[in-house]
């Protein structure tokens, strides 16, 4: 039997529901692979599984990180491998689910052993990002490490910054990545691939539901912490717009439209990542949960 099932898909595509159904059918436990659902402070805004879901099967790596922290893909891989090993030791099926492509890539292909950058080095790059813009930093990376820059989207500021940190320290991230080794060997992965119009409608309906279930209060609590706006948790889809509304900069309706737009754009980037990075992963295009469950359990 496959040691672990890996499910990647765009936001609001029904990954959590499928993972829950699979876990119940396969005596499994669920491991989060969403870089925003790790934050304790972001329950509603990240559509984290609720008490009903977590009572049905064990869920791991959800809400275990404080919003003040920068939780890296390397930290997630270490945590995920430990949890997966524990689940397998219980003779249960680890089901890894989420939409963060870098997490899956790190788990199945490995992470480059990149050197840590001094705090002042990163602070300088963050200031240059603020003053010069992400495109300028991507151009600088292209000159220093063209292979790495070709693999990183022009607007992917976190990965551009990390690659620049490595390049300016005298190494090349692309060369380090070539030496990377996978953390997980026995796995089966597939992509949820919903129809675009239906997905975008689901994104909009979900955000409306978030507003009804406390998203604005969650943004208010997050804003009250006065955290560094560059922290990952502060960039959760919907959070910046809702906090702008709370500051009196726009009406709630406008903030909601911005949040929905940003989430649709994120989903589009997730499709692009999956198409370019997970090229050998089969696509699950079925729309209903029953059909998805049948497809996903074929051969198991």
C-alpha atoms as a PDB file:
ATOM      1  CA  UNK A   1       0.000   0.000   0.000  1.00  0.00           C
ATOM      2  CA  UNK A   2       1.174   3.481  -0.768  1.00  0.00           C
ATOM      3  CA  UNK A   3       2.691   4.972   2.358  1.00  0.00           C
ATOM      4  CA  UNK A   4       1.171   8.449   1.873  1.00  0.00           C
ATOM      5  CA  UNK A   5      -1.466  10.081  -0.300  1.00  0.00           C
ATOM      6  CA  UNK A   6      -0.709  13.629  -1.455  1.00  0.00           C
ATOM      7  CA  UNK A   7      -3.543  15.873  -2.606  1.00  0.00           C
ATOM      8  CA  UNK A   8      -2.757  19.278  -4.085  1.00  0.00           C
ATOM      9  CA  UNK A   9      -5.268  21.682  -5.574  1.00  0.00           C
ATOM     10  CA  UNK A  10      -6.247  25.329  -5.805  1.00  0.00           C
ATOM     11  CA  UNK A  11      -7.945  27.121  -2.962  1.00  0.00           C
ATOM     12  CA  UNK A  12     -11.668  26.400  -2.496  1.00  0.00           C
ATOM     13  CA  UNK A  13     -11.477  23.304  -4.707  1.00  0.00           C
ATOM     14  CA  UNK A  14     -12.790  20.898  -2.049  1.00  0.00           C
ATOM     15  CA  UNK A  15      -9.466  19.394  -0.975  1.00  0.00           C
ATOM     16  CA  UNK A  16     -10.349  19.253   2.703  1.00  0.00           C
ATOM     17  CA  UNK A  17     -13.659  17.463   2.086  1.00  0.00           C
ATOM     18  CA  UNK A  18     -11.951  14.878  -0.107  1.00  0.00           C
ATOM     19  CA  UNK A  19      -9.143  14.360   2.401  1.00  0.00           C
ATOM     20  CA  UNK A  20     -11.683  13.817   5.167  1.00  0.00           C
ATOM     21  CA  UNK A  21     -13.634  11.281   3.096  1.00  0.00           C
ATOM     22  CA  UNK A  22     -10.425   9.455   2.179  1.00  0.00           C
ATOM     23  CA  UNK A  23      -9.236   9.414   5.771  1.00  0.00           C
ATOM     24  CA  UNK A  24     -12.497   7.848   6.918  1.00  0.00           C
ATOM     25  CA  UNK A  25     -12.399   5.257   4.155  1.00  0.00           C
ATOM     26  CA  UNK A  26      -8.701   4.381   4.442  1.00  0.00           C
ATOM     27  CA  UNK A  27      -8.196   4.602   8.217  1.00  0.00           C
ATOM     28  CA  UNK A  28      -6.155   7.725   7.640  1.00  0.00           C
ATOM     29  CA  UNK A  29      -5.003  10.912   9.311  1.00  0.00           C
ATOM     30  CA  UNK A  30      -4.714  14.304   7.643  1.00  0.00           C
ATOM     31  CA  UNK A  31      -1.554  16.416   7.422  1.00  0.00           C
ATOM     32  CA  UNK A  32      -1.828  20.071   6.420  1.00  0.00           C
ATOM     33  CA  UNK A  33       0.219  21.328   3.451  1.00  0.00           C
ATOM     34  CA  UNK A  34      -1.174  24.861   3.283  1.00  0.00           C
ATOM     35  CA  UNK A  35       1.265  27.600   4.273  1.00  0.00           C
ATOM     36  CA  UNK A  36      -1.472  29.827   5.729  1.00  0.00           C
ATOM     37  CA  UNK A  37      -3.456  27.190   7.616  1.00  0.00           C
ATOM     38  CA  UNK A  38      -0.421  26.608   9.834  1.00  0.00           C
ATOM     39  CA  UNK A  39      -1.078  29.926  11.609  1.00  0.00           C
ATOM     40  CA  UNK A  40      -3.090  29.785  14.809  1.00  0.00           C
ATOM     41  CA  UNK A  41      -4.431  33.321  14.290  1.00  0.00           C
ATOM     42  CA  UNK A  42      -5.993  32.520  10.890  1.00  0.00           C
ATOM     43  CA  UNK A  43      -8.835  30.084  11.355  1.00  0.00           C
ATOM     44  CA  UNK A  44     -11.730  31.662   9.471  1.00  0.00           C
ATOM     45  CA  UNK A  45      -9.700  33.529   6.846  1.00  0.00           C
ATOM     46  CA  UNK A  46      -7.878  30.354   5.768  1.00  0.00           C
ATOM     47  CA  UNK A  47     -10.960  28.092   5.917  1.00  0.00           C
ATOM     48  CA  UNK A  48      -9.200  25.797   8.340  1.00  0.00           C
ATOM     49  CA  UNK A  49     -11.074  22.571   9.188  1.00  0.00           C
ATOM     50  CA  UNK A  50     -13.504  23.110  12.018  1.00  0.00           C
ATOM     51  CA  UNK A  51     -14.258  21.170  15.184  1.00  0.00           C
ATOM     52  CA  UNK A  52     -16.690  18.853  13.410  1.00  0.00           C
ATOM     53  CA  UNK A  53     -14.043  17.770  10.902  1.00  0.00           C
ATOM     54  CA  UNK A  54     -11.200  17.422  13.382  1.00  0.00           C
ATOM     55  CA  UNK A  55     -13.430  15.321  15.656  1.00  0.00           C
ATOM     56  CA  UNK A  56     -13.994  12.796  12.866  1.00  0.00           C
ATOM     57  CA  UNK A  57     -10.325  12.074  12.073  1.00  0.00           C
ATOM     58  CA  UNK A  58      -7.020  13.368  13.460  1.00  0.00           C
ATOM     59  CA  UNK A  59      -5.675  16.529  11.755  1.00  0.00           C
ATOM     60  CA  UNK A  60      -2.038  17.609  12.046  1.00  0.00           C
ATOM     61  CA  UNK A  61      -0.040  20.828  11.491  1.00  0.00           C
ATOM     62  CA  UNK A  62      -3.074  23.106  11.552  1.00  0.00           C
ATOM     63  CA  UNK A  63      -2.854  26.300  13.596  1.00  0.00           C
ATOM     64  CA  UNK A  64       0.367  25.364  15.375  1.00  0.00           C
ATOM     65  CA  UNK A  65       2.374  28.490  14.440  1.00  0.00           C
ATOM     66  CA  UNK A  66       2.016  32.010  15.862  1.00  0.00           C
ATOM     67  CA  UNK A  67       1.359  34.853  13.414  1.00  0.00           C
ATOM     68  CA  UNK A  68       4.539  36.579  14.590  1.00  0.00           C
ATOM     69  CA  UNK A  69       6.681  33.769  13.151  1.00  0.00           C
ATOM     70  CA  UNK A  70       8.088  33.175   9.671  1.00  0.00           C
ATOM     71  CA  UNK A  71       7.424  29.484   9.105  1.00  0.00           C
ATOM     72  CA  UNK A  72       9.526  28.138   6.249  1.00  0.00           C
ATOM     73  CA  UNK A  73       9.100  25.241   3.860  1.00  0.00           C
ATOM     74  CA  UNK A  74      12.099  23.612   5.516  1.00  0.00           C
ATOM     75  CA  UNK A  75      10.426  23.776   8.923  1.00  0.00           C
ATOM     76  CA  UNK A  76       7.238  22.342   7.453  1.00  0.00           C
ATOM     77  CA  UNK A  77       9.063  19.414   5.830  1.00  0.00           C
ATOM     78  CA  UNK A  78      10.735  18.511   9.121  1.00  0.00           C
ATOM     79  CA  UNK A  79       7.415  18.708  10.959  1.00  0.00           C
ATOM     80  CA  UNK A  80       5.519  16.858   8.226  1.00  0.00           C
ATOM     81  CA  UNK A  81       7.989  13.979   7.957  1.00  0.00           C
ATOM     82  CA  UNK A  82       7.881  13.479  11.723  1.00  0.00           C
ATOM     83  CA  UNK A  83       4.066  13.415  11.694  1.00  0.00           C
ATOM     84  CA  UNK A  84       3.908  11.122   8.643  1.00  0.00           C
ATOM     85  CA  UNK A  85       6.284   8.668  10.328  1.00  0.00           C
ATOM     86  CA  UNK A  86       4.133   8.688  13.477  1.00  0.00           C
ATOM     87  CA  UNK A  87       0.962   8.051  11.458  1.00  0.00           C
ATOM     88  CA  UNK A  88       2.596   5.200   9.530  1.00  0.00           C
ATOM     89  CA  UNK A  89       3.836   3.698  12.801  1.00  0.00           C
ATOM     90  CA  UNK A  90       0.199   3.535  13.913  1.00  0.00           C
ATOM     91  CA  UNK A  91      -0.528   1.599  10.691  1.00  0.00           C
ATOM     92  CA  UNK A  92      -2.733   4.392   9.438  1.00  0.00           C
ATOM     93  CA  UNK A  93      -2.612   6.215   6.105  1.00  0.00           C
ATOM     94  CA  UNK A  94      -1.034   9.687   6.032  1.00  0.00           C
ATOM     95  CA  UNK A  95      -3.058  11.992   3.768  1.00  0.00           C
ATOM     96  CA  UNK A  96      -1.182  15.209   3.003  1.00  0.00           C
ATOM     97  CA  UNK A  97      -3.454  17.919   1.644  1.00  0.00           C
ATOM     98  CA  UNK A  98      -3.037  21.560   0.722  1.00  0.00           C
ATOM     99  CA  UNK A  99      -2.362  24.112  -1.959  1.00  0.00           C
ATOM    100  CA  UNK A 100       1.221  25.183  -1.270  1.00  0.00           C
ATOM    101  CA  UNK A 101       3.212  23.825  -4.168  1.00  0.00           C
ATOM    102  CA  UNK A 102       6.583  24.502  -2.572  1.00  0.00           C
ATOM    103  CA  UNK A 103       5.671  22.278   0.373  1.00  0.00           C
ATOM    104  CA  UNK A 104       4.900  19.356  -1.919  1.00  0.00           C
ATOM    105  CA  UNK A 105       7.997  19.966  -4.012  1.00  0.00           C
ATOM    106  CA  UNK A 106      10.167  20.085  -0.900  1.00  0.00           C
ATOM    107  CA  UNK A 107       8.602  16.888   0.439  1.00  0.00           C
ATOM    108  CA  UNK A 108       8.933  14.841  -2.755  1.00  0.00           C
ATOM    109  CA  UNK A 109      12.064  16.348  -4.339  1.00  0.00           C
ATOM    110  CA  UNK A 110      13.945  17.863  -1.435  1.00  0.00           C
ATOM    111  CA  UNK A 111      15.051  21.309  -0.354  1.00  0.00           C
ATOM    112  CA  UNK A 112      18.346  22.946  -1.106  1.00  0.00           C
ATOM    113  CA  UNK A 113      20.634  23.140   1.958  1.00  0.00           C
ATOM    114  CA  UNK A 114      20.818  26.919   1.583  1.00  0.00           C
ATOM    115  CA  UNK A 115      22.835  28.964   4.087  1.00  0.00           C
ATOM    116  CA  UNK A 116      21.015  31.224   6.516  1.00  0.00           C
ATOM    117  CA  UNK A 117      21.324  34.936   5.834  1.00  0.00           C
ATOM    118  CA  UNK A 118      22.209  37.479   8.543  1.00  0.00           C
ATOM    119  CA  UNK A 119      19.205  39.434   9.822  1.00  0.00           C
ATOM    120  CA  UNK A 120      20.627  42.721   8.552  1.00  0.00           C
ATOM    121  CA  UNK A 121      21.068  41.200   5.078  1.00  0.00           C
ATOM    122  CA  UNK A 122      17.408  40.218   4.916  1.00  0.00           C
ATOM    123  CA  UNK A 123      16.340  43.595   6.318  1.00  0.00           C
ATOM    124  CA  UNK A 124      18.212  45.347   3.503  1.00  0.00           C
ATOM    125  CA  UNK A 125      16.583  43.164   0.850  1.00  0.00           C
ATOM    126  CA  UNK A 126      13.136  43.796   2.341  1.00  0.00           C
ATOM    127  CA  UNK A 127      13.762  47.530   2.181  1.00  0.00           C
ATOM    128  CA  UNK A 128      14.884  47.232  -1.437  1.00  0.00           C
ATOM    129  CA  UNK A 129      11.739  45.230  -2.178  1.00  0.00           C
ATOM    130  CA  UNK A 130       9.682  48.062  -0.697  1.00  0.00           C
ATOM    131  CA  UNK A 131      11.493  50.842  -2.566  1.00  0.00           C
ATOM    132  CA  UNK A 132      12.420  49.193  -5.879  1.00  0.00           C
ATOM    133  CA  UNK A 133       9.643  46.653  -6.337  1.00  0.00           C
ATOM    134  CA  UNK A 134       9.611  42.920  -6.890  1.00  0.00           C
ATOM    135  CA  UNK A 135      10.346  43.139 -10.634  1.00  0.00           C
ATOM    136  CA  UNK A 136      13.636  44.916 -10.009  1.00  0.00           C
ATOM    137  CA  UNK A 137      14.734  42.223  -7.566  1.00  0.00           C
ATOM    138  CA  UNK A 138      13.753  39.500 -10.024  1.00  0.00           C
ATOM    139  CA  UNK A 139      15.948  41.164 -12.664  1.00  0.00           C
ATOM    140  CA  UNK A 140      18.843  41.275 -10.208  1.00  0.00           C
ATOM    141  CA  UNK A 141      18.354  37.577  -9.475  1.00  0.00           C
ATOM    142  CA  UNK A 142      18.356  36.818 -13.212  1.00  0.00           C
ATOM    143  CA  UNK A 143      21.832  38.334 -13.440  1.00  0.00           C
ATOM    144  CA  UNK A 144      23.140  36.418 -10.421  1.00  0.00           C
ATOM    145  CA  UNK A 145      21.383  33.053 -10.836  1.00  0.00           C
ATOM    146  CA  UNK A 146      19.521  32.834 -14.166  1.00  0.00           C
ATOM    147  CA  UNK A 147      18.477  29.212 -13.608  1.00  0.00           C
ATOM    148  CA  UNK A 148      16.822  30.018 -10.278  1.00  0.00           C
ATOM    149  CA  UNK A 149      15.161  33.142 -11.670  1.00  0.00           C
ATOM    150  CA  UNK A 150      13.663  31.137 -14.546  1.00  0.00           C
ATOM    151  CA  UNK A 151      11.959  28.851 -12.016  1.00  0.00           C
ATOM    152  CA  UNK A 152      10.572  31.641  -9.846  1.00  0.00           C
ATOM    153  CA  UNK A 153       7.600  33.759 -10.858  1.00  0.00           C
ATOM    154  CA  UNK A 154       8.282  37.442 -11.374  1.00  0.00           C
ATOM    155  CA  UNK A 155       5.891  38.356  -8.538  1.00  0.00           C
ATOM    156  CA  UNK A 156       6.934  35.622  -6.074  1.00  0.00           C
ATOM    157  CA  UNK A 157       8.636  37.957  -3.599  1.00  0.00           C
ATOM    158  CA  UNK A 158       9.418  35.418  -0.823  1.00  0.00           C
ATOM    159  CA  UNK A 159      11.236  33.015  -3.152  1.00  0.00           C
ATOM    160  CA  UNK A 160      13.012  35.855  -4.984  1.00  0.00           C
ATOM    161  CA  UNK A 161      14.250  37.232  -1.671  1.00  0.00           C
ATOM    162  CA  UNK A 162      15.488  33.819  -0.539  1.00  0.00           C
ATOM    163  CA  UNK A 163      17.306  33.167  -3.818  1.00  0.00           C
ATOM    164  CA  UNK A 164      18.941  36.603  -3.618  1.00  0.00           C
ATOM    165  CA  UNK A 165      20.029  35.943  -0.041  1.00  0.00           C
ATOM    166  CA  UNK A 166      21.772  32.798  -1.206  1.00  0.00           C
ATOM    167  CA  UNK A 167      23.253  34.355  -4.350  1.00  0.00           C
ATOM    168  CA  UNK A 168      24.609  37.365  -2.518  1.00  0.00           C
ATOM    169  CA  UNK A 169      26.224  35.058   0.040  1.00  0.00           C
ATOM    170  CA  UNK A 170      28.333  33.499  -2.704  1.00  0.00           C
ATOM    171  CA  UNK A 171      26.301  30.371  -3.502  1.00  0.00           C
ATOM    172  CA  UNK A 172      23.736  29.552  -6.201  1.00  0.00           C
ATOM    173  CA  UNK A 173      20.317  28.333  -5.152  1.00  0.00           C
ATOM    174  CA  UNK A 174      19.891  26.482  -8.463  1.00  0.00           C
ATOM    175  CA  UNK A 175      23.067  24.474  -7.821  1.00  0.00           C
ATOM    176  CA  UNK A 176      22.066  23.726  -4.243  1.00  0.00           C
ATOM    177  CA  UNK A 177      18.652  22.578  -5.446  1.00  0.00           C
ATOM    178  CA  UNK A 178      20.312  20.195  -7.869  1.00  0.00           C
ATOM    179  CA  UNK A 179      21.858  18.460  -4.859  1.00  0.00           C
ATOM    180  CA  UNK A 180      18.580  18.231  -2.930  1.00  0.00           C
ATOM    181  CA  UNK A 181      17.161  14.853  -1.895  1.00  0.00           C
ATOM    182  CA  UNK A 182      13.493  13.963  -1.338  1.00  0.00           C
ATOM    183  CA  UNK A 183      12.220  13.709   2.237  1.00  0.00           C
ATOM    184  CA  UNK A 184       9.430  11.255   1.343  1.00  0.00           C
ATOM    185  CA  UNK A 185       9.879   8.277  -0.953  1.00  0.00           C
ATOM    186  CA  UNK A 186       6.757   6.120  -0.799  1.00  0.00           C
ATOM    187  CA  UNK A 187       3.822   8.224  -1.929  1.00  0.00           C
ATOM    188  CA  UNK A 188       1.078   8.675  -4.484  1.00  0.00           C
ATOM    189  CA  UNK A 189       0.086  12.197  -5.480  1.00  0.00           C
ATOM    190  CA  UNK A 190      -2.668  13.745  -7.569  1.00  0.00           C
ATOM    191  CA  UNK A 191      -4.029  17.178  -8.396  1.00  0.00           C
ATOM    192  CA  UNK A 192      -7.562  18.426  -7.951  1.00  0.00           C
ATOM    193  CA  UNK A 193      -8.360  20.191 -11.210  1.00  0.00           C
ATOM    194  CA  UNK A 194     -11.809  21.848 -11.003  1.00  0.00           C
ATOM    195  CA  UNK A 195     -13.498  23.815 -13.753  1.00  0.00           C
ATOM    196  CA  UNK A 196     -12.415  27.466 -13.497  1.00  0.00           C
ATOM    197  CA  UNK A 197     -15.803  29.175 -13.483  1.00  0.00           C
ATOM    198  CA  UNK A 198     -17.118  26.852 -10.788  1.00  0.00           C
ATOM    199  CA  UNK A 199     -13.978  27.375  -8.717  1.00  0.00           C
ATOM    200  CA  UNK A 200     -14.193  31.163  -8.922  1.00  0.00           C
ATOM    201  CA  UNK A 201     -17.856  31.017  -7.895  1.00  0.00           C
ATOM    202  CA  UNK A 202     -16.866  28.850  -4.924  1.00  0.00           C
ATOM    203  CA  UNK A 203     -14.169  31.346  -3.927  1.00  0.00           C
ATOM    204  CA  UNK A 204     -16.666  34.192  -3.867  1.00  0.00           C
ATOM    205  CA  UNK A 205     -19.314  32.222  -1.979  1.00  0.00           C
ATOM    206  CA  UNK A 206     -16.743  31.048   0.552  1.00  0.00           C
ATOM    207  CA  UNK A 207     -15.556  34.558   1.320  1.00  0.00           C
ATOM    208  CA  UNK A 208     -19.132  35.716   1.842  1.00  0.00           C
ATOM    209  CA  UNK A 209     -19.514  32.838   4.307  1.00  0.00           C
ATOM    210  CA  UNK A 210     -16.248  33.831   6.018  1.00  0.00           C
ATOM    211  CA  UNK A 211     -17.636  37.303   6.650  1.00  0.00           C
ATOM    212  CA  UNK A 212     -20.706  35.766   8.244  1.00  0.00           C
ATOM    213  CA  UNK A 213     -18.577  33.557  10.490  1.00  0.00           C
ATOM    214  CA  UNK A 214     -16.159  36.065  11.965  1.00  0.00           C
ATOM    215  CA  UNK A 215     -13.543  36.954   9.345  1.00  0.00           C
ATOM    216  CA  UNK A 216     -13.750  40.650  10.218  1.00  0.00           C
ATOM    217  CA  UNK A 217     -13.273  39.949  13.921  1.00  0.00           C
ATOM    218  CA  UNK A 218     -10.312  37.738  13.091  1.00  0.00           C
ATOM    219  CA  UNK A 219      -8.754  40.535  11.021  1.00  0.00           C
ATOM    220  CA  UNK A 220      -9.366  42.947  13.909  1.00  0.00           C
ATOM    221  CA  UNK A 221      -7.529  40.694  16.373  1.00  0.00           C
ATOM    222  CA  UNK A 222      -4.662  40.246  13.908  1.00  0.00           C
ATOM    223  CA  UNK A 223      -4.391  44.000  13.324  1.00  0.00           C
ATOM    224  CA  UNK A 224      -4.332  44.678  17.062  1.00  0.00           C
ATOM    225  CA  UNK A 225      -1.056  42.756  17.350  1.00  0.00           C
ATOM    226  CA  UNK A 226       0.731  45.451  15.289  1.00  0.00           C
ATOM    227  CA  UNK A 227       2.903  42.853  13.588  1.00  0.00           C
ATOM    228  CA  UNK A 228       5.399  43.433  10.792  1.00  0.00           C
ATOM    229  CA  UNK A 229       3.257  43.682   7.634  1.00  0.00           C
ATOM    230  CA  UNK A 230       5.826  41.617   5.727  1.00  0.00           C
ATOM    231  CA  UNK A 231       5.086  38.543   7.863  1.00  0.00           C
ATOM    232  CA  UNK A 232       3.365  35.740   5.912  1.00  0.00           C
ATOM    233  CA  UNK A 233       0.317  35.667   8.198  1.00  0.00           C
ATOM    234  CA  UNK A 234      -0.325  39.352   7.530  1.00  0.00           C
ATOM    235  CA  UNK A 235      -0.695  38.591   3.825  1.00  0.00           C
ATOM    236  CA  UNK A 236      -3.412  35.940   4.112  1.00  0.00           C
ATOM    237  CA  UNK A 237      -6.016  36.463   1.409  1.00  0.00           C
ATOM    238  CA  UNK A 238      -8.597  38.882   2.708  1.00  0.00           C
ATOM    239  CA  UNK A 239      -6.603  40.033   5.738  1.00  0.00           C
ATOM    240  CA  UNK A 240      -4.949  43.152   4.212  1.00  0.00           C
ATOM    241  CA  UNK A 241      -8.205  44.387   2.668  1.00  0.00           C
ATOM    242  CA  UNK A 242     -10.236  43.779   5.820  1.00  0.00           C
ATOM    243  CA  UNK A 243      -7.627  45.537   7.937  1.00  0.00           C
ATOM    244  CA  UNK A 244      -7.726  48.476   5.507  1.00  0.00           C
ATOM    245  CA  UNK A 245     -11.494  48.576   6.018  1.00  0.00           C
ATOM    246  CA  UNK A 246     -10.992  48.555   9.782  1.00  0.00           C
ATOM    247  CA  UNK A 247      -8.680  51.565   9.411  1.00  0.00           C
ATOM    248  CA  UNK A 248     -11.479  53.384   7.609  1.00  0.00           C
ATOM    249  CA  UNK A 249      -9.761  53.313   4.212  1.00  0.00           C
ATOM    250  CA  UNK A 250     -12.566  51.572   2.300  1.00  0.00           C
ATOM    251  CA  UNK A 251     -16.090  50.219   2.792  1.00  0.00           C
ATOM    252  CA  UNK A 252     -16.537  46.561   3.677  1.00  0.00           C
ATOM    253  CA  UNK A 253     -18.037  45.794   0.250  1.00  0.00           C
ATOM    254  CA  UNK A 254     -14.894  47.076  -1.478  1.00  0.00           C
ATOM    255  CA  UNK A 255     -12.645  45.109   0.885  1.00  0.00           C
ATOM    256  CA  UNK A 256     -14.615  41.944   0.147  1.00  0.00           C
ATOM    257  CA  UNK A 257     -14.273  42.452  -3.604  1.00  0.00           C
ATOM    258  CA  UNK A 258     -10.512  42.958  -3.272  1.00  0.00           C
ATOM    259  CA  UNK A 259     -10.231  39.810  -1.168  1.00  0.00           C
ATOM    260  CA  UNK A 260     -12.181  37.770  -3.710  1.00  0.00           C
ATOM    261  CA  UNK A 261     -10.126  39.169  -6.595  1.00  0.00           C
ATOM    262  CA  UNK A 262      -6.833  38.402  -4.845  1.00  0.00           C
ATOM    263  CA  UNK A 263      -7.983  34.865  -4.056  1.00  0.00           C
ATOM    264  CA  UNK A 264      -9.015  34.255  -7.671  1.00  0.00           C
ATOM    265  CA  UNK A 265      -5.584  35.447  -8.787  1.00  0.00           C
ATOM    266  CA  UNK A 266      -3.943  33.141  -6.274  1.00  0.00           C
ATOM    267  CA  UNK A 267      -5.945  30.199  -7.589  1.00  0.00           C
ATOM    268  CA  UNK A 268      -4.751  31.041 -11.091  1.00  0.00           C
ATOM    269  CA  UNK A 269      -1.132  30.981  -9.871  1.00  0.00           C
ATOM    270  CA  UNK A 270      -1.774  27.621  -8.223  1.00  0.00           C
ATOM    271  CA  UNK A 271      -3.010  26.203 -11.535  1.00  0.00           C
ATOM    272  CA  UNK A 272       0.139  27.543 -13.208  1.00  0.00           C
ATOM    273  CA  UNK A 273       2.375  25.974 -10.560  1.00  0.00           C
ATOM    274  CA  UNK A 274       0.670  22.602 -10.854  1.00  0.00           C
ATOM    275  CA  UNK A 275       0.867  22.661 -14.647  1.00  0.00           C
ATOM    276  CA  UNK A 276       4.564  23.553 -14.615  1.00  0.00           C
ATOM    277  CA  UNK A 277       5.890  21.770 -11.521  1.00  0.00           C
ATOM    278  CA  UNK A 278       3.700  18.705 -10.927  1.00  0.00           C
ATOM    279  CA  UNK A 279       3.755  17.636 -14.561  1.00  0.00           C
ATOM    280  CA  UNK A 280       3.657  13.891 -13.818  1.00  0.00           C
ATOM    281  CA  UNK A 281       0.878  14.048 -11.220  1.00  0.00           C
ATOM    282  CA  UNK A 282      -2.492  12.833 -12.549  1.00  0.00           C
ATOM    283  CA  UNK A 283      -5.347  15.341 -12.598  1.00  0.00           C
ATOM    284  CA  UNK A 284      -8.614  14.606 -10.852  1.00  0.00           C
ATOM    285  CA  UNK A 285     -11.243  16.584 -12.753  1.00  0.00           C
ATOM    286  CA  UNK A 286     -14.417  15.056 -11.292  1.00  0.00           C
ATOM    287  CA  UNK A 287     -16.754  17.604  -9.711  1.00  0.00           C
ATOM    288  CA  UNK A 288     -18.660  15.635  -7.075  1.00  0.00           C
ATOM    289  CA  UNK A 289     -17.173  14.313  -3.855  1.00  0.00           C
ATOM    290  CA  UNK A 290     -18.452  10.789  -4.567  1.00  0.00           C
ATOM    291  CA  UNK A 291     -16.777  10.688  -7.985  1.00  0.00           C
ATOM    292  CA  UNK A 292     -13.569  12.133  -6.582  1.00  0.00           C
ATOM    293  CA  UNK A 293     -13.514   9.534  -3.835  1.00  0.00           C
ATOM    294  CA  UNK A 294     -14.035   6.694  -6.319  1.00  0.00           C
ATOM    295  CA  UNK A 295     -11.254   8.008  -8.562  1.00  0.00           C
ATOM    296  CA  UNK A 296      -8.811   8.602  -5.721  1.00  0.00           C
ATOM    297  CA  UNK A 297      -9.220   5.118  -4.249  1.00  0.00           C
ATOM    298  CA  UNK A 298      -8.811   3.180  -7.478  1.00  0.00           C
ATOM    299  CA  UNK A 299      -6.130   0.557  -7.018  1.00  0.00           C
ATOM    300  CA  UNK A 300      -5.944   0.976  -3.247  1.00  0.00           C
END
